[in-house]
Amino acid sequence: MKTPLLQPPDFLGLMLTSRCLSRCGHCLYNCGPDRREELTPLDIEALLSDLLELGLGHVPVHLGGGEPFLAFPLLLAAAARLTRMGFRIDFVETGGSWFASKQDARARFLALQAAGVRRIIVSADPFHQSFVAPSTVRAILGAASGIFGTDNVLLNSPQLLALVEGLSPEKTLTFGEFVASAGRESAASALLAHMRPLQIAGRAPGTLKDFFPRFEAGTFAEDCSLRVIGKRKWHFGPGRYVQTGYCAGLAFPLKDGLARWLRSFNLADWPVVRVLAGDGLQALVLLAGEEAGFRPDPEGYLSACHLCQEARLALWKLGRYEELGPDGFYQELLRESKPKSREKKEGERR
């Protein structure tokens, strides 16, 4: 297969923090209450300076997490700095787990507007609503619309919010409760129709392991080159790393900054990425078998990303592949694989 050249981004997401009060069952980046990684103002300053040096000051930026409102002083400072340096803030993304009152939300939105933010996106679906009640989402939408205007406050999946809202408007529903109430077939149809993309990676395989069919590892013959380094939508996260696609757990550490890293990028320096981009998923499975004793699960996998993630987890445990990170992502995979008591599950839900 032909490996694409690494291209500079045409869209950039700043993942300000990996912390979130929710532990959503589909979270691609395995964010949650136990994650504590956070960007610093110096990290952001260095990144923006590098983007200007590279002639990328036109690249729109979105601010997210984790839950960026849990790091609100940093969110506000980042927005103000982006505005002062001439960058366009595309949107701020939130799941709403921070919400305390309409008055507090309005004050935060006013501060963000003054810092240059013009648009808010609210995430809502059966996974988020396991932790945030639909009524809370409606309150956030109302407060934001009063500041930014209804056209600048977007709901990423109004159909799914309406579906959960019809089942439980004032209280949260676990994903299992949602499936039981909506019906398995209706729930599956709704997710496939309205969650785009529904990427079965991160925490999703554990949540959906008994929901969608599994396939033998050998059936996945994915060409991962475009997915790994061919995308031009990048994310910069805590620990000063950059993800050049949507492959959570594949992150390039920027020891000397983005500008120097991009100018000197050589695929040969990143063996896991080189195998995936050059030879494909099955080659990575072979590498994980040879290096880490990985053996595919005979019960199969929900997706190519699920298989890739498990192979990378085995390689991450070796501690010698720098592009496998951040560590918190893989530590969450290990946490999720351990049996939980019923009491702990209930406590997390509340």
Protein backbone atom coordinates (compact mmCIF):
# COMPACT_ATOMS: atom_id res chain seq x y z
CA MET A 1 0.00 0.00 0.00
CA LYS A 2 1.09 3.56 -0.60
CA THR A 3 1.78 5.53 2.57
CA PRO A 4 0.58 9.16 2.42
CA LEU A 5 2.89 11.98 3.33
CA LEU A 6 2.27 13.75 6.61
CA GLN A 7 0.45 16.99 5.84
CA PRO A 8 0.09 19.97 8.18
CA PRO A 9 -3.32 20.38 9.84
CA ASP A 10 -6.22 22.35 8.42
CA PHE A 11 -8.10 22.05 11.73
CA LEU A 12 -6.77 21.76 15.27
CA GLY A 13 -8.36 20.71 18.53
CA LEU A 14 -6.86 21.73 21.86
CA MET A 15 -7.64 19.03 24.43
CA LEU A 16 -7.20 21.22 27.50
CA THR A 17 -7.73 18.44 30.02
CA SER A 18 -8.40 14.72 30.08
CA ARG A 19 -10.54 15.09 33.22
CA CYS A 20 -14.30 14.76 33.01
CA LEU A 21 -16.88 14.13 35.71
CA SER A 22 -18.53 11.63 33.37
CA ARG A 23 -17.05 8.33 32.28
CA CYS A 24 -18.98 7.97 29.04
CA GLY A 25 -19.21 4.46 27.69
CA HIS A 26 -18.15 5.48 24.19
CA CYS A 27 -15.39 7.98 25.01
CA LEU A 28 -12.75 7.70 22.31
CA TYR A 29 -10.05 9.22 24.52
CA ASN A 30 -10.94 7.39 27.76
CA CYS A 31 -11.47 10.61 29.67
CA GLY A 32 -12.97 10.47 33.15
CA PRO A 33 -12.88 11.57 36.79
CA ASP A 34 -9.56 9.85 37.52
CA ARG A 35 -7.65 11.49 34.70
CA ARG A 36 -5.73 14.60 35.73
CA GLU A 37 -3.62 15.54 32.69
CA GLU A 38 -3.93 19.20 31.76
CA LEU A 39 -2.27 21.59 29.35
CA THR A 40 -0.48 24.60 30.78
CA PRO A 41 -0.59 28.19 29.49
CA LEU A 42 3.06 27.74 28.44
CA ASP A 43 2.15 24.63 26.43
CA ILE A 44 -0.53 26.58 24.58
CA GLU A 45 1.72 29.59 24.04
CA ALA A 46 4.47 27.40 22.56
CA LEU A 47 2.04 25.60 20.27
CA LEU A 48 0.46 28.79 18.92
CA SER A 49 3.88 30.34 18.34
CA ASP A 50 4.93 27.24 16.40
CA LEU A 51 1.76 27.38 14.29
CA LEU A 52 2.50 30.99 13.37
CA GLU A 53 6.10 30.08 12.56
CA LEU A 54 4.83 27.34 10.25
CA GLY A 55 2.45 29.73 8.51
CA LEU A 56 -0.60 28.03 10.02
CA GLY A 57 -2.18 31.02 11.71
CA HIS A 58 -5.27 30.51 9.54
CA VAL A 59 -6.05 27.08 11.01
CA PRO A 60 -9.34 27.14 12.98
CA VAL A 61 -9.11 25.84 16.54
CA HIS A 62 -11.66 24.16 18.76
CA LEU A 63 -11.36 23.91 22.52
CA GLY A 64 -12.36 20.67 24.22
CA GLY A 65 -11.29 17.90 26.54
CA GLY A 66 -12.21 15.85 28.57
CA GLU A 67 -14.50 18.52 29.92
CA PRO A 68 -12.85 21.91 29.32
CA PHE A 69 -15.21 23.69 31.73
CA LEU A 70 -13.55 21.77 34.58
CA ALA A 71 -10.40 23.74 33.74
CA PHE A 72 -12.30 26.99 33.25
CA PRO A 73 -9.46 29.47 34.03
CA LEU A 74 -7.32 27.64 31.46
CA LEU A 75 -10.20 27.55 28.96
CA LEU A 76 -10.73 31.28 29.36
CA ALA A 77 -7.01 32.05 29.09
CA ALA A 78 -6.65 29.84 26.01
CA ALA A 79 -9.57 31.54 24.28
CA ALA A 80 -8.20 34.99 25.03
CA ARG A 81 -4.72 34.04 23.83
CA LEU A 82 -6.03 32.56 20.59
CA THR A 83 -8.00 35.73 19.94
CA ARG A 84 -5.05 38.03 20.69
CA MET A 85 -2.79 36.04 18.34
CA GLY A 86 -5.29 36.19 15.50
CA PHE A 87 -6.53 32.60 15.47
CA ARG A 88 -10.17 31.77 14.79
CA ILE A 89 -11.89 29.83 17.56
CA ASP A 90 -14.27 27.47 15.80
CA PHE A 91 -16.14 26.31 18.90
CA VAL A 92 -15.94 25.20 22.52
CA GLU A 93 -17.25 21.69 23.15
CA THR A 94 -18.90 20.51 26.36
CA GLY A 95 -20.77 17.52 27.73
CA GLY A 96 -22.29 19.53 30.58
CA SER A 97 -21.07 17.57 33.62
CA TRP A 98 -19.84 20.84 35.18
CA PHE A 99 -23.27 22.53 35.21
CA ALA A 100 -24.40 23.85 38.60
CA SER A 101 -26.94 26.56 37.79
CA LYS A 102 -28.20 28.71 34.94
CA GLN A 103 -26.71 31.77 36.62
CA ASP A 104 -23.26 30.21 36.81
CA ALA A 105 -23.50 28.93 33.22
CA ARG A 106 -24.52 32.37 31.97
CA ALA A 107 -21.58 34.01 33.74
CA ARG A 108 -19.16 31.52 32.18
CA PHE A 109 -20.60 31.97 28.72
CA LEU A 110 -20.40 35.76 29.02
CA ALA A 111 -16.72 35.48 30.00
CA LEU A 112 -16.01 33.20 27.05
CA GLN A 113 -17.80 35.55 24.68
CA ALA A 114 -15.64 38.43 25.91
CA ALA A 115 -12.55 36.25 25.28
CA GLY A 116 -13.53 35.71 21.64
CA VAL A 117 -15.66 32.54 21.66
CA ARG A 118 -18.59 32.71 19.27
CA ARG A 119 -19.94 29.16 19.17
CA ILE A 120 -20.72 26.32 21.60
CA ILE A 121 -21.32 22.65 20.82
CA VAL A 122 -23.06 20.46 23.40
CA SER A 123 -22.61 16.68 23.27
CA ALA A 124 -25.75 14.68 23.96
CA ASP A 125 -26.49 10.99 23.41
CA PRO A 126 -27.28 7.87 25.47
CA PHE A 127 -23.67 7.71 26.68
CA HIS A 128 -23.47 11.29 27.95
CA GLN A 129 -26.95 11.05 29.43
CA SER A 130 -25.76 8.20 31.63
CA PHE A 131 -24.21 11.03 33.68
CA VAL A 132 -25.96 14.26 32.67
CA ALA A 133 -29.76 14.46 32.74
CA PRO A 134 -31.53 15.72 29.60
CA SER A 135 -33.01 18.59 31.64
CA THR A 136 -29.46 19.76 32.40
CA VAL A 137 -28.60 19.74 28.70
CA ARG A 138 -31.69 21.84 28.00
CA ALA A 139 -30.67 24.32 30.71
CA ILE A 140 -27.17 24.63 29.21
CA LEU A 141 -28.61 25.13 25.73
CA GLY A 142 -30.91 27.84 27.04
CA ALA A 143 -28.17 29.69 28.89
CA ALA A 144 -25.77 29.50 25.93
CA SER A 145 -28.41 30.59 23.41
CA GLY A 146 -29.11 33.69 25.48
CA ILE A 147 -25.45 34.73 25.05
CA PHE A 148 -24.36 33.42 21.66
CA GLY A 149 -27.70 33.20 19.86
CA THR A 150 -29.53 30.03 18.90
CA ASP A 151 -27.71 29.70 15.56
CA ASN A 152 -24.37 29.51 17.37
CA VAL A 153 -25.32 26.86 19.92
CA LEU A 154 -25.29 23.41 18.40
CA LEU A 155 -26.43 20.07 19.71
CA ASN A 156 -24.38 17.27 18.19
CA SER A 157 -27.24 14.77 18.17
CA PRO A 158 -30.69 16.25 18.78
CA GLN A 159 -32.39 13.01 17.73
CA LEU A 160 -30.59 10.99 20.39
CA LEU A 161 -31.21 13.58 23.10
CA ALA A 162 -34.91 13.55 22.23
CA LEU A 163 -34.95 9.76 22.42
CA VAL A 164 -33.39 9.68 25.90
CA GLU A 165 -35.50 12.64 26.98
CA GLY A 166 -38.64 10.77 26.05
CA LEU A 167 -37.60 7.95 28.37
CA SER A 168 -36.26 9.96 31.31
CA PRO A 169 -36.34 13.77 31.00
CA GLU A 170 -35.16 14.65 34.52
CA LYS A 171 -32.87 11.78 35.49
CA THR A 172 -29.88 10.00 34.05
CA LEU A 173 -30.16 6.57 32.46
CA THR A 174 -27.29 4.11 32.27
CA PHE A 175 -26.65 2.78 28.80
CA GLY A 176 -28.07 -0.58 29.85
CA GLU A 177 -31.23 1.10 31.13
CA PHE A 178 -31.51 3.04 27.89
CA VAL A 179 -31.29 -0.15 25.82
CA ALA A 180 -33.83 -1.92 28.03
CA SER A 181 -36.28 1.01 27.82
CA ALA A 182 -35.87 1.82 24.12
CA GLY A 183 -35.56 -1.79 22.97
CA ARG A 184 -32.37 -3.33 21.67
CA GLU A 185 -33.24 -3.02 17.99
CA SER A 186 -34.43 0.59 18.27
CA ALA A 187 -31.38 1.55 20.33
CA ALA A 188 -28.98 0.01 17.81
CA SER A 189 -30.75 1.67 14.87
CA ALA A 190 -30.68 5.07 16.58
CA LEU A 191 -26.97 4.87 17.38
CA LEU A 192 -26.04 3.78 13.87
CA ALA A 193 -28.21 6.47 12.28
CA HIS A 194 -27.39 9.46 14.46
CA MET A 195 -23.92 8.97 15.99
CA ARG A 196 -21.57 9.77 13.17
CA PRO A 197 -19.07 8.46 13.39
CA LEU A 198 -19.74 5.81 16.01
CA GLN A 199 -16.09 4.88 16.38
CA ILE A 200 -15.82 1.65 18.36
CA ALA A 201 -12.57 2.38 20.13
CA GLY A 202 -11.54 3.91 23.43
CA ARG A 203 -14.10 2.85 26.03
CA ALA A 204 -16.73 1.81 23.45
CA PRO A 205 -15.65 -1.83 22.97
CA GLY A 206 -16.19 -2.56 26.65
CA THR A 207 -19.61 -0.91 26.62
CA LEU A 208 -20.80 -2.44 23.36
CA LYS A 209 -19.21 -5.89 23.62
CA ASP A 210 -22.59 -7.58 23.95
CA PHE A 211 -24.48 -5.11 21.79
CA PHE A 212 -22.95 -5.45 18.31
CA PRO A 213 -21.60 -8.59 16.60
CA ARG A 214 -17.95 -9.60 16.80
CA PHE A 215 -15.72 -10.71 13.96
CA GLU A 216 -12.57 -12.82 13.84
CA ALA A 217 -9.35 -10.82 13.93
CA GLY A 218 -8.29 -12.09 10.51
CA THR A 219 -11.32 -10.56 8.81
CA PHE A 220 -9.99 -7.02 9.34
CA ALA A 221 -7.68 -6.04 6.49
CA GLU A 222 -7.73 -2.31 7.06
CA ASP A 223 -5.50 0.13 5.19
CA CYS A 224 -4.80 2.45 8.11
CA SER A 225 -2.47 4.85 6.31
CA LEU A 226 -4.99 7.65 5.76
CA ARG A 227 -6.50 7.21 9.20
CA VAL A 228 -3.15 7.38 11.01
CA ILE A 229 -1.24 10.14 9.22
CA GLY A 230 -3.39 11.17 6.26
CA LYS A 231 -5.93 13.18 8.23
CA ARG A 232 -5.51 16.93 8.51
CA LYS A 233 -7.56 17.30 11.68
CA TRP A 234 -5.08 17.19 14.53
CA HIS A 235 -5.42 17.28 18.30
CA PHE A 236 -2.92 18.71 20.76
CA GLY A 237 -3.22 17.38 24.29
CA PRO A 238 -1.82 17.40 27.84
CA GLY A 239 1.79 16.30 27.99
CA ARG A 240 2.51 18.25 24.77
CA TYR A 241 1.65 15.57 22.28
CA VAL A 242 -0.07 15.72 18.92
CA GLN A 243 -2.50 13.23 17.42
CA THR A 244 -2.57 13.42 13.64
CA GLY A 245 -5.86 11.55 13.25
CA TYR A 246 -8.64 10.02 15.31
CA CYS A 247 -6.61 7.03 16.51
CA ALA A 248 -6.78 7.54 20.26
CA GLY A 249 -3.69 6.17 21.96
CA LEU A 250 -1.40 7.09 19.05
CA ALA A 251 0.21 10.37 20.02
CA PHE A 252 3.52 11.92 19.00
CA PRO A 253 5.38 13.59 21.91
CA LEU A 254 6.65 17.06 21.00
CA LYS A 255 9.91 17.25 22.92
CA ASP A 256 11.19 20.25 20.97
CA GLY A 257 7.91 21.76 19.85
CA LEU A 258 5.57 21.28 16.92
CA ALA A 259 7.57 23.22 14.34
CA ARG A 260 10.77 21.24 14.77
CA TRP A 261 8.88 17.93 15.00
CA LEU A 262 6.94 18.56 11.79
CA ARG A 263 9.97 19.70 9.81
CA SER A 264 12.01 16.67 10.84
CA PHE A 265 9.21 14.09 10.75
CA ASN A 266 10.41 10.68 9.60
CA LEU A 267 8.04 7.72 9.67
CA ALA A 268 10.96 5.39 10.40
CA ASP A 269 11.33 7.01 13.84
CA TRP A 270 7.88 5.77 14.90
CA PRO A 271 7.75 1.99 14.49
CA VAL A 272 4.12 1.39 15.47
CA VAL A 273 2.86 4.16 13.20
CA ARG A 274 5.19 3.00 10.42
CA VAL A 275 3.78 -0.53 10.56
CA LEU A 276 0.17 0.67 10.61
CA ALA A 277 0.62 3.27 7.88
CA GLY A 278 2.86 1.17 5.68
CA ASP A 279 1.73 -2.43 6.11
CA GLY A 280 -1.69 -2.24 7.75
CA LEU A 281 -3.53 -3.60 10.75
CA GLN A 282 -2.64 -7.27 10.35
CA ALA A 283 1.05 -6.36 10.36
CA LEU A 284 0.55 -4.61 13.69
CA VAL A 285 -1.16 -7.71 15.09
CA LEU A 286 1.87 -9.75 14.03
CA LEU A 287 4.24 -7.23 15.62
CA ALA A 288 2.29 -7.32 18.88
CA GLY A 289 2.42 -11.12 18.80
CA GLU A 290 6.16 -11.22 18.21
CA GLU A 291 7.09 -8.45 20.63
CA ALA A 292 4.49 -8.76 23.39
CA GLY A 293 2.96 -12.21 23.03
CA PHE A 294 -0.38 -10.79 21.90
CA ARG A 295 -2.91 -13.39 20.79
CA PRO A 296 -6.21 -12.26 19.24
CA ASP A 297 -9.31 -12.99 21.26
CA PRO A 298 -11.07 -16.06 19.78
CA GLU A 299 -14.41 -14.36 20.53
CA GLY A 300 -13.46 -11.69 18.00
CA TYR A 301 -13.65 -7.91 17.84
CA LEU A 302 -16.32 -5.30 17.22
CA SER A 303 -14.23 -3.29 14.78
CA ALA A 304 -10.79 -2.90 13.27
CA CYS A 305 -10.14 -0.10 15.78
CA HIS A 306 -11.02 -2.47 18.63
CA LEU A 307 -8.47 -5.03 17.41
CA CYS A 308 -5.83 -2.35 16.85
CA GLN A 309 -6.37 -0.92 20.32
CA GLU A 310 -5.91 -4.30 22.01
CA ALA A 311 -2.73 -4.98 20.02
CA ARG A 312 -1.38 -1.54 20.94
CA LEU A 313 -2.26 -2.09 24.60
CA ALA A 314 -0.02 -5.17 24.60
CA LEU A 315 2.81 -3.17 23.02
CA TRP A 316 2.30 -0.22 25.39
CA LYS A 317 2.94 -2.50 28.36
CA LEU A 318 6.48 -2.99 27.05
CA GLY A 319 7.21 0.70 27.61
CA ARG A 320 9.40 1.18 24.56
CA TYR A 321 7.16 2.78 21.92
CA GLU A 322 7.03 6.54 22.41
CA GLU A 323 4.06 7.05 20.10
CA LEU A 324 1.85 4.87 22.28
CA GLY A 325 0.32 7.39 24.62
CA PRO A 326 -0.69 9.19 26.63
CA ASP A 327 -0.19 6.65 29.40
CA GLY A 328 -3.49 7.64 30.99
CA PHE A 329 -5.36 6.36 27.93
CA TYR A 330 -3.94 2.85 28.32
CA GLN A 331 -4.21 2.90 32.10
CA GLU A 332 -7.93 3.52 31.67
CA LEU A 333 -8.16 0.50 29.36
CA LEU A 334 -6.62 -1.62 32.09
CA ARG A 335 -8.97 -0.10 34.68
CA GLU A 336 -12.00 -0.86 32.54
CA SER A 337 -10.91 -4.46 32.01
CA LYS A 338 -10.94 -5.17 35.75
CA PRO A 339 -14.19 -6.45 37.31
CA LYS A 340 -16.11 -3.81 39.23
CA SER A 341 -18.37 -4.29 42.17
CA ARG A 342 -22.02 -3.39 41.82
CA GLU A 343 -21.62 -0.71 44.47
CA LYS A 344 -18.76 0.96 42.58
CA LYS A 345 -20.74 0.99 39.35
CA GLU A 346 -23.71 2.55 41.09
CA GLY A 347 -21.50 5.15 42.73
CA GLU A 348 -20.00 6.14 39.37
CA ARG A 349 -23.45 6.44 37.86
CA ARG A 350 -24.64 8.80 40.57
